[in-house]
Amino acid sequence: MPITNSAAGAAPVCDAASSEVFHDQRVAPWGSIYDIDYLKSNIEGGEGYDWYYHSDEARAAQIRTPITDGVHDEHWIYRYKDLKNWWGSAHHKRIAGTRQTAATD
């Protein structure tokens, strides 16, 4: 199971897909999934911030898809772990895919 915070149903802090196999290949510099610096690096990084798995097969194969908003460079809109930028940025409605000029209140 992914390592999560204590809230029920919370998003994973890092990509530890099972207790038998640790899938996050970025752990090598830290040596352990329990290393505090590794865990901190996944608060504003990793799955749900930098990338996501588009399917269960992609997760098993470690095929990571970058989280981007190529049109307006507002990646934080799609990053469920990017709370800092979500709350610190102006929001614009996107009607039928078109970003409105005026920010919402």
N, C-alpha and C. Protein backbone atom coordinates (compact mmCIF):
# COMPACT_ATOMS: atom_id res chain seq x y z
N MET A 1 0.84 -1.19 0.00
CA MET A 1 0.00 0.00 0.00
C MET A 1 0.88 1.24 0.00
N PRO A 2 0.40 2.32 -0.62
CA PRO A 2 1.15 3.57 -0.59
C PRO A 2 1.27 4.10 0.83
N ILE A 3 2.37 4.78 1.09
CA ILE A 3 2.54 5.45 2.37
C ILE A 3 1.71 6.72 2.32
N THR A 4 0.78 6.88 3.27
CA THR A 4 -0.11 8.03 3.26
C THR A 4 -0.04 8.75 4.58
N ASN A 5 -0.68 9.91 4.65
CA ASN A 5 -0.83 10.55 5.94
C ASN A 5 -1.96 9.82 6.66
N SER A 6 -2.31 10.24 7.86
CA SER A 6 -3.23 9.46 8.67
C SER A 6 -4.69 9.64 8.30
N ALA A 7 -5.03 10.61 7.47
CA ALA A 7 -6.42 10.82 7.10
C ALA A 7 -6.92 9.68 6.21
N ALA A 8 -8.10 9.19 6.49
CA ALA A 8 -8.67 8.11 5.69
C ALA A 8 -8.81 8.55 4.24
N GLY A 9 -8.36 7.70 3.33
CA GLY A 9 -8.48 7.99 1.91
C GLY A 9 -7.51 9.06 1.41
N ALA A 10 -6.52 9.40 2.19
CA ALA A 10 -5.58 10.45 1.78
C ALA A 10 -4.70 9.98 0.63
N ALA A 11 -4.25 10.94 -0.14
CA ALA A 11 -3.36 10.64 -1.27
C ALA A 11 -2.02 10.13 -0.75
N PRO A 12 -1.36 9.27 -1.53
CA PRO A 12 -0.06 8.76 -1.10
C PRO A 12 1.00 9.84 -1.05
N VAL A 13 1.89 9.72 -0.07
CA VAL A 13 3.03 10.63 0.03
C VAL A 13 4.09 10.20 -0.98
N CYS A 14 4.24 8.90 -1.16
CA CYS A 14 5.20 8.40 -2.14
C CYS A 14 4.65 7.15 -2.79
N ASP A 15 5.33 6.66 -3.79
CA ASP A 15 4.85 5.55 -4.60
C ASP A 15 5.40 4.22 -4.08
N ALA A 16 4.90 3.76 -2.98
CA ALA A 16 5.25 2.45 -2.45
C ALA A 16 4.06 1.55 -2.73
N ALA A 17 4.06 0.91 -3.88
CA ALA A 17 2.87 0.22 -4.37
C ALA A 17 2.52 -1.03 -3.56
N SER A 18 3.48 -1.65 -2.93
CA SER A 18 3.17 -2.81 -2.09
C SER A 18 4.25 -2.97 -1.04
N SER A 19 3.96 -3.75 -0.04
CA SER A 19 4.96 -3.98 0.99
C SER A 19 6.09 -4.87 0.49
N GLU A 20 5.85 -5.62 -0.58
CA GLU A 20 6.86 -6.52 -1.11
C GLU A 20 7.80 -5.84 -2.10
N VAL A 21 7.27 -4.93 -2.89
CA VAL A 21 8.06 -4.29 -3.93
C VAL A 21 7.88 -2.79 -3.83
N PHE A 22 8.98 -2.09 -3.75
CA PHE A 22 8.92 -0.63 -3.73
C PHE A 22 9.21 -0.14 -5.13
N HIS A 23 8.26 0.57 -5.72
CA HIS A 23 8.36 0.91 -7.13
C HIS A 23 9.07 2.22 -7.44
N ASP A 24 9.18 3.11 -6.51
CA ASP A 24 9.75 4.42 -6.82
C ASP A 24 11.26 4.30 -6.99
N GLN A 25 11.70 4.38 -8.23
CA GLN A 25 13.13 4.22 -8.54
C GLN A 25 13.95 5.41 -8.06
N ARG A 26 13.29 6.52 -7.71
CA ARG A 26 14.01 7.71 -7.24
C ARG A 26 14.51 7.53 -5.81
N VAL A 27 14.16 6.45 -5.13
CA VAL A 27 14.55 6.26 -3.73
C VAL A 27 16.04 5.96 -3.58
N ALA A 28 16.70 5.54 -4.62
CA ALA A 28 18.10 5.11 -4.54
C ALA A 28 19.02 6.08 -3.79
N PRO A 29 18.96 7.39 -4.05
CA PRO A 29 19.86 8.29 -3.32
C PRO A 29 19.62 8.31 -1.81
N TRP A 30 18.40 7.99 -1.38
CA TRP A 30 18.08 8.03 0.05
C TRP A 30 18.28 6.67 0.72
N GLY A 31 18.21 5.60 -0.04
CA GLY A 31 18.47 4.28 0.51
C GLY A 31 17.28 3.60 1.17
N SER A 32 16.23 4.34 1.48
CA SER A 32 15.08 3.74 2.15
C SER A 32 13.83 4.58 1.91
N ILE A 33 12.70 3.92 1.80
CA ILE A 33 11.45 4.64 1.65
C ILE A 33 11.05 5.34 2.94
N TYR A 34 11.70 4.99 4.03
CA TYR A 34 11.39 5.60 5.33
C TYR A 34 12.28 6.79 5.67
N ASP A 35 13.24 7.09 4.79
CA ASP A 35 14.13 8.22 5.01
C ASP A 35 13.31 9.52 5.02
N ILE A 36 13.46 10.32 6.05
CA ILE A 36 12.66 11.53 6.20
C ILE A 36 12.86 12.51 5.05
N ASP A 37 14.06 12.64 4.53
CA ASP A 37 14.30 13.55 3.41
C ASP A 37 13.61 13.06 2.13
N TYR A 38 13.59 11.74 1.94
CA TYR A 38 12.87 11.17 0.80
C TYR A 38 11.38 11.48 0.92
N LEU A 39 10.81 11.27 2.09
CA LEU A 39 9.39 11.53 2.30
C LEU A 39 9.08 13.01 2.11
N LYS A 40 9.94 13.89 2.62
CA LYS A 40 9.73 15.33 2.44
C LYS A 40 9.76 15.71 0.96
N SER A 41 10.64 15.07 0.20
CA SER A 41 10.74 15.39 -1.22
C SER A 41 9.48 15.02 -1.99
N ASN A 42 8.66 14.16 -1.41
CA ASN A 42 7.43 13.74 -2.06
C ASN A 42 6.21 14.54 -1.62
N ILE A 43 6.38 15.50 -0.73
CA ILE A 43 5.26 16.35 -0.35
C ILE A 43 4.93 17.28 -1.51
N GLU A 44 5.92 17.97 -2.04
CA GLU A 44 5.74 18.82 -3.21
C GLU A 44 6.56 18.25 -4.36
N GLY A 45 6.27 17.01 -4.68
CA GLY A 45 6.95 16.33 -5.77
C GLY A 45 6.42 14.92 -5.91
N GLY A 46 6.84 14.25 -6.96
CA GLY A 46 6.45 12.87 -7.16
C GLY A 46 5.03 12.72 -7.68
N GLU A 47 4.42 11.56 -7.37
CA GLU A 47 3.08 11.26 -7.86
C GLU A 47 2.07 12.27 -7.33
N GLY A 48 1.23 12.76 -8.22
CA GLY A 48 0.22 13.73 -7.85
C GLY A 48 0.70 15.17 -7.90
N TYR A 49 2.00 15.34 -8.14
CA TYR A 49 2.58 16.68 -8.26
C TYR A 49 3.32 16.80 -9.59
N ASP A 50 4.28 15.94 -9.81
CA ASP A 50 5.07 15.96 -11.05
C ASP A 50 4.49 15.07 -12.14
N TRP A 51 3.89 13.96 -11.72
CA TRP A 51 3.42 12.96 -12.67
C TRP A 51 2.30 12.12 -12.06
N TYR A 52 1.66 11.29 -12.92
CA TYR A 52 0.63 10.35 -12.49
C TYR A 52 0.71 9.10 -13.34
N TYR A 53 0.04 8.05 -12.90
CA TYR A 53 -0.08 6.83 -13.69
C TYR A 53 -1.43 6.86 -14.40
N HIS A 54 -1.43 6.69 -15.71
CA HIS A 54 -2.69 6.76 -16.45
C HIS A 54 -3.49 5.46 -16.41
N SER A 55 -2.90 4.38 -15.85
CA SER A 55 -3.62 3.11 -15.74
C SER A 55 -2.91 2.22 -14.72
N ASP A 56 -3.56 1.14 -14.34
CA ASP A 56 -2.93 0.18 -13.44
C ASP A 56 -1.72 -0.47 -14.11
N GLU A 57 -1.82 -0.68 -15.42
CA GLU A 57 -0.69 -1.25 -16.17
C GLU A 57 0.50 -0.29 -16.17
N ALA A 58 0.22 0.98 -16.30
CA ALA A 58 1.29 1.99 -16.26
C ALA A 58 1.96 2.00 -14.90
N ARG A 59 1.17 1.88 -13.83
CA ARG A 59 1.74 1.83 -12.47
C ARG A 59 2.66 0.62 -12.34
N ALA A 60 2.20 -0.53 -12.79
CA ALA A 60 3.02 -1.75 -12.69
C ALA A 60 4.32 -1.63 -13.47
N ALA A 61 4.26 -0.96 -14.62
CA ALA A 61 5.45 -0.80 -15.47
C ALA A 61 6.23 0.48 -15.18
N GLN A 62 5.76 1.28 -14.19
CA GLN A 62 6.39 2.55 -13.84
C GLN A 62 6.43 3.53 -15.01
N ILE A 63 5.34 3.57 -15.78
CA ILE A 63 5.21 4.53 -16.87
C ILE A 63 4.51 5.76 -16.31
N ARG A 64 5.26 6.82 -16.14
CA ARG A 64 4.76 8.03 -15.50
C ARG A 64 4.46 9.10 -16.53
N THR A 65 3.29 9.69 -16.42
CA THR A 65 2.86 10.73 -17.33
C THR A 65 2.98 12.07 -16.62
N PRO A 66 3.71 13.02 -17.18
CA PRO A 66 3.86 14.33 -16.54
C PRO A 66 2.51 15.04 -16.38
N ILE A 67 2.34 15.75 -15.28
CA ILE A 67 1.15 16.57 -15.06
C ILE A 67 1.47 17.96 -15.59
N THR A 68 0.79 18.33 -16.65
CA THR A 68 1.06 19.62 -17.28
C THR A 68 -0.22 20.31 -17.71
N ASP A 69 -0.14 21.58 -17.89
CA ASP A 69 -1.17 22.39 -18.51
C ASP A 69 -0.45 23.19 -19.58
N GLY A 70 -0.21 22.56 -20.69
CA GLY A 70 0.62 23.16 -21.73
C GLY A 70 0.08 24.43 -22.34
N VAL A 71 -1.21 24.65 -22.27
CA VAL A 71 -1.80 25.81 -22.91
C VAL A 71 -1.57 27.09 -22.11
N HIS A 72 -1.78 27.01 -20.78
CA HIS A 72 -1.72 28.22 -19.96
C HIS A 72 -0.64 28.18 -18.88
N ASP A 73 0.15 27.13 -18.85
CA ASP A 73 1.24 26.98 -17.88
C ASP A 73 0.73 27.10 -16.44
N GLU A 74 -0.44 26.52 -16.18
CA GLU A 74 -1.02 26.50 -14.84
C GLU A 74 -1.10 25.04 -14.37
N HIS A 75 0.04 24.41 -14.25
CA HIS A 75 0.11 22.99 -13.91
C HIS A 75 -0.58 22.68 -12.60
N TRP A 76 -0.56 23.62 -11.67
CA TRP A 76 -1.13 23.42 -10.34
C TRP A 76 -2.61 23.07 -10.39
N ILE A 77 -3.30 23.42 -11.46
CA ILE A 77 -4.73 23.09 -11.57
C ILE A 77 -4.94 21.59 -11.50
N TYR A 78 -4.04 20.82 -12.06
CA TYR A 78 -4.20 19.37 -12.15
C TYR A 78 -3.40 18.60 -11.10
N ARG A 79 -2.61 19.28 -10.32
CA ARG A 79 -1.76 18.62 -9.30
C ARG A 79 -2.49 18.58 -7.96
N TYR A 80 -2.98 17.40 -7.58
CA TYR A 80 -3.74 17.33 -6.32
C TYR A 80 -2.88 17.54 -5.09
N LYS A 81 -1.56 17.47 -5.22
CA LYS A 81 -0.68 17.73 -4.08
C LYS A 81 -0.12 19.16 -4.07
N ASP A 82 -0.46 19.97 -5.04
CA ASP A 82 0.11 21.31 -5.16
C ASP A 82 -0.79 22.35 -4.48
N LEU A 83 -0.98 22.19 -3.18
CA LEU A 83 -1.86 23.07 -2.42
C LEU A 83 -1.33 24.50 -2.35
N LYS A 84 -0.03 24.63 -2.24
CA LYS A 84 0.58 25.97 -2.14
C LYS A 84 0.23 26.83 -3.36
N ASN A 85 0.41 26.29 -4.55
CA ASN A 85 0.10 27.05 -5.76
C ASN A 85 -1.40 27.16 -6.01
N TRP A 86 -2.17 26.14 -5.59
CA TRP A 86 -3.62 26.21 -5.74
C TRP A 86 -4.17 27.42 -4.98
N TRP A 87 -3.78 27.55 -3.73
CA TRP A 87 -4.30 28.64 -2.90
C TRP A 87 -3.63 29.97 -3.20
N GLY A 88 -2.44 29.96 -3.75
CA GLY A 88 -1.70 31.20 -3.99
C GLY A 88 -1.83 31.75 -5.39
N SER A 89 -2.65 31.12 -6.23
CA SER A 89 -2.78 31.55 -7.62
C SER A 89 -4.21 31.98 -7.94
N ALA A 90 -4.32 32.88 -8.89
CA ALA A 90 -5.64 33.29 -9.37
C ALA A 90 -6.26 32.14 -10.17
N HIS A 91 -7.56 31.99 -10.05
CA HIS A 91 -8.28 30.95 -10.77
C HIS A 91 -9.10 31.57 -11.89
N HIS A 92 -9.11 30.91 -13.03
CA HIS A 92 -9.86 31.38 -14.19
C HIS A 92 -10.75 30.25 -14.67
N LYS A 93 -12.02 30.55 -14.86
CA LYS A 93 -12.93 29.54 -15.41
C LYS A 93 -12.45 29.16 -16.80
N ARG A 94 -12.69 27.90 -17.14
CA ARG A 94 -12.40 27.42 -18.49
C ARG A 94 -13.71 26.91 -19.06
N ILE A 95 -14.32 27.71 -19.86
CA ILE A 95 -15.61 27.37 -20.45
C ILE A 95 -15.36 26.75 -21.82
N ALA A 96 -15.82 25.51 -21.97
CA ALA A 96 -15.62 24.75 -23.21
C ALA A 96 -14.14 24.74 -23.60
N GLY A 97 -13.26 24.66 -22.58
CA GLY A 97 -11.83 24.59 -22.84
C GLY A 97 -11.15 25.93 -23.04
N THR A 98 -11.90 27.01 -23.02
CA THR A 98 -11.34 28.35 -23.22
C THR A 98 -11.17 29.05 -21.87
N ARG A 99 -9.96 29.42 -21.56
CA ARG A 99 -9.67 30.10 -20.29
C ARG A 99 -10.18 31.54 -20.36
N GLN A 100 -10.98 31.90 -19.35
CA GLN A 100 -11.54 33.24 -19.29
C GLN A 100 -10.46 34.22 -18.83
N THR A 101 -10.50 35.44 -19.31
CA THR A 101 -9.50 36.45 -18.96
C THR A 101 -9.59 36.87 -17.50
N ALA A 102 -10.80 37.10 -17.05
CA ALA A 102 -10.99 37.57 -15.66
C ALA A 102 -10.89 36.41 -14.67
N ALA A 103 -10.18 36.65 -13.60
CA ALA A 103 -10.07 35.65 -12.54
C ALA A 103 -11.38 35.61 -11.75
N THR A 104 -11.64 34.46 -11.14
CA THR A 104 -12.81 34.33 -10.30
C THR A 104 -12.57 35.06 -8.98
N ASP A 105 -13.64 35.33 -8.25
CA ASP A 105 -13.52 35.98 -6.94
C ASP A 105 -13.06 35.01 -5.90
